[in-house]
Amino acid sequence: MKTGVLVLWSGCLLSISLSLVHFAWVATPSERLMTLAVLALAAGSLHRK
């Protein structure tokens, strides 16, 4: 059970790390703008609580 949870968390952290690398070095300006807009919308919806 603990091994499965550790593997799951490791996979999530790896996915987040790779997406940050993609955002920083590979993404086109339109992808960056869309990603920042989605993050701003998510932050705004959390703040409205």
N, C-alpha and C. Protein backbone atom coordinates (compact mmCIF):
# COMPACT_ATOMS: atom_id res chain seq x y z
N MET A 1 0.83 -1.20 0.00
CA MET A 1 0.00 0.00 0.00
C MET A 1 0.87 1.26 0.00
N LYS A 2 1.84 1.33 0.91
CA LYS A 2 2.69 2.51 0.98
C LYS A 2 3.54 2.66 -0.28
N THR A 3 3.94 1.55 -0.87
CA THR A 3 4.74 1.61 -2.09
C THR A 3 3.91 2.19 -3.24
N GLY A 4 2.65 1.78 -3.32
CA GLY A 4 1.78 2.28 -4.37
C GLY A 4 1.55 3.78 -4.24
N VAL A 5 1.37 4.25 -3.01
CA VAL A 5 1.18 5.68 -2.78
C VAL A 5 2.44 6.44 -3.15
N LEU A 6 3.59 5.90 -2.79
CA LEU A 6 4.86 6.55 -3.12
C LEU A 6 5.06 6.62 -4.63
N VAL A 7 4.71 5.56 -5.34
CA VAL A 7 4.83 5.56 -6.80
C VAL A 7 3.87 6.57 -7.41
N LEU A 8 2.66 6.65 -6.88
CA LEU A 8 1.68 7.61 -7.38
C LEU A 8 2.16 9.04 -7.18
N TRP A 9 2.64 9.37 -5.99
CA TRP A 9 3.14 10.72 -5.72
C TRP A 9 4.37 11.03 -6.58
N SER A 10 5.24 10.05 -6.76
CA SER A 10 6.41 10.26 -7.61
C SER A 10 6.00 10.55 -9.05
N GLY A 11 5.01 9.83 -9.54
CA GLY A 11 4.51 10.08 -10.88
C GLY A 11 3.91 11.47 -11.02
N CYS A 12 3.17 11.91 -10.00
CA CYS A 12 2.59 13.25 -10.03
C CYS A 12 3.67 14.32 -10.03
N LEU A 13 4.67 14.16 -9.18
CA LEU A 13 5.76 15.14 -9.13
C LEU A 13 6.55 15.17 -10.43
N LEU A 14 6.76 14.01 -11.03
CA LEU A 14 7.46 13.95 -12.31
C LEU A 14 6.65 14.66 -13.40
N SER A 15 5.36 14.44 -13.40
CA SER A 15 4.49 15.08 -14.39
C SER A 15 4.50 16.59 -14.23
N ILE A 16 4.42 17.07 -13.01
CA ILE A 16 4.46 18.51 -12.76
C ILE A 16 5.80 19.10 -13.17
N SER A 17 6.87 18.40 -12.86
CA SER A 17 8.21 18.89 -13.23
C SER A 17 8.36 18.98 -14.74
N LEU A 18 7.90 17.95 -15.45
CA LEU A 18 8.02 17.97 -16.90
C LEU A 18 7.14 19.05 -17.53
N SER A 19 5.99 19.31 -16.94
CA SER A 19 5.15 20.37 -17.49
C SER A 19 5.78 21.74 -17.25
N LEU A 20 6.45 21.93 -16.13
CA LEU A 20 7.15 23.19 -15.89
C LEU A 20 8.32 23.38 -16.85
N VAL A 21 9.04 22.30 -17.14
CA VAL A 21 10.13 22.38 -18.11
C VAL A 21 9.57 22.73 -19.49
N HIS A 22 8.47 22.10 -19.86
CA HIS A 22 7.83 22.40 -21.14
C HIS A 22 7.39 23.86 -21.19
N PHE A 23 6.79 24.33 -20.11
CA PHE A 23 6.33 25.72 -20.05
C PHE A 23 7.49 26.69 -20.20
N ALA A 24 8.61 26.40 -19.56
CA ALA A 24 9.74 27.33 -19.55
C ALA A 24 10.52 27.35 -20.86
N TRP A 25 10.70 26.17 -21.51
CA TRP A 25 11.62 26.13 -22.63
C TRP A 25 10.99 25.76 -23.97
N VAL A 26 9.88 25.08 -23.99
CA VAL A 26 9.36 24.54 -25.25
C VAL A 26 8.09 25.24 -25.71
N ALA A 27 7.28 25.68 -24.79
CA ALA A 27 5.95 26.19 -25.12
C ALA A 27 6.00 27.43 -26.01
N THR A 28 5.03 27.52 -26.90
CA THR A 28 4.89 28.71 -27.74
C THR A 28 4.26 29.82 -26.90
N PRO A 29 4.37 31.06 -27.35
CA PRO A 29 3.76 32.17 -26.58
C PRO A 29 2.26 31.98 -26.36
N SER A 30 1.55 31.43 -27.35
CA SER A 30 0.11 31.24 -27.17
C SER A 30 -0.18 30.17 -26.11
N GLU A 31 0.66 29.12 -26.04
CA GLU A 31 0.50 28.11 -25.00
C GLU A 31 0.76 28.71 -23.62
N ARG A 32 1.76 29.55 -23.54
CA ARG A 32 2.08 30.20 -22.26
C ARG A 32 0.94 31.10 -21.81
N LEU A 33 0.40 31.87 -22.75
CA LEU A 33 -0.70 32.76 -22.43
C LEU A 33 -1.93 31.97 -21.97
N MET A 34 -2.23 30.88 -22.67
CA MET A 34 -3.38 30.06 -22.30
C MET A 34 -3.18 29.42 -20.92
N THR A 35 -1.98 28.95 -20.64
CA THR A 35 -1.69 28.34 -19.34
C THR A 35 -1.82 29.37 -18.22
N LEU A 36 -1.29 30.56 -18.43
CA LEU A 36 -1.39 31.60 -17.41
C LEU A 36 -2.84 32.04 -17.21
N ALA A 37 -3.62 32.07 -18.29
CA ALA A 37 -5.04 32.43 -18.17
C ALA A 37 -5.80 31.37 -17.36
N VAL A 38 -5.53 30.11 -17.61
CA VAL A 38 -6.18 29.03 -16.85
C VAL A 38 -5.80 29.11 -15.38
N LEU A 39 -4.53 29.36 -15.09
CA LEU A 39 -4.11 29.48 -13.70
C LEU A 39 -4.75 30.69 -13.02
N ALA A 40 -4.88 31.78 -13.75
CA ALA A 40 -5.53 32.97 -13.18
C ALA A 40 -7.00 32.72 -12.90
N LEU A 41 -7.69 32.02 -13.81
CA LEU A 41 -9.09 31.67 -13.59
C LEU A 41 -9.26 30.74 -12.39
N ALA A 42 -8.35 29.78 -12.26
CA ALA A 42 -8.41 28.86 -11.14
C ALA A 42 -8.17 29.60 -9.82
N ALA A 43 -7.21 30.49 -9.81
CA ALA A 43 -6.92 31.27 -8.60
C ALA A 43 -8.09 32.18 -8.26
N GLY A 44 -8.71 32.76 -9.27
CA GLY A 44 -9.86 33.63 -9.05
C GLY A 44 -11.05 32.87 -8.50
N SER A 45 -11.27 31.66 -8.99
CA SER A 45 -12.40 30.88 -8.49
C SER A 45 -12.16 30.40 -7.07
N LEU A 46 -10.92 30.17 -6.70
CA LEU A 46 -10.61 29.77 -5.32
C LEU A 46 -10.75 30.95 -4.37
N HIS A 47 -10.43 32.13 -4.85
CA HIS A 47 -10.45 33.32 -4.01
C HIS A 47 -11.89 33.77 -3.70
N ARG A 48 -12.83 33.42 -4.58
CA ARG A 48 -14.23 33.85 -4.41
C ARG A 48 -14.94 33.17 -3.25
N LYS A 49 -14.41 32.11 -2.73
CA LYS A 49 -15.06 31.37 -1.64
C LYS A 49 -15.40 32.26 -0.54
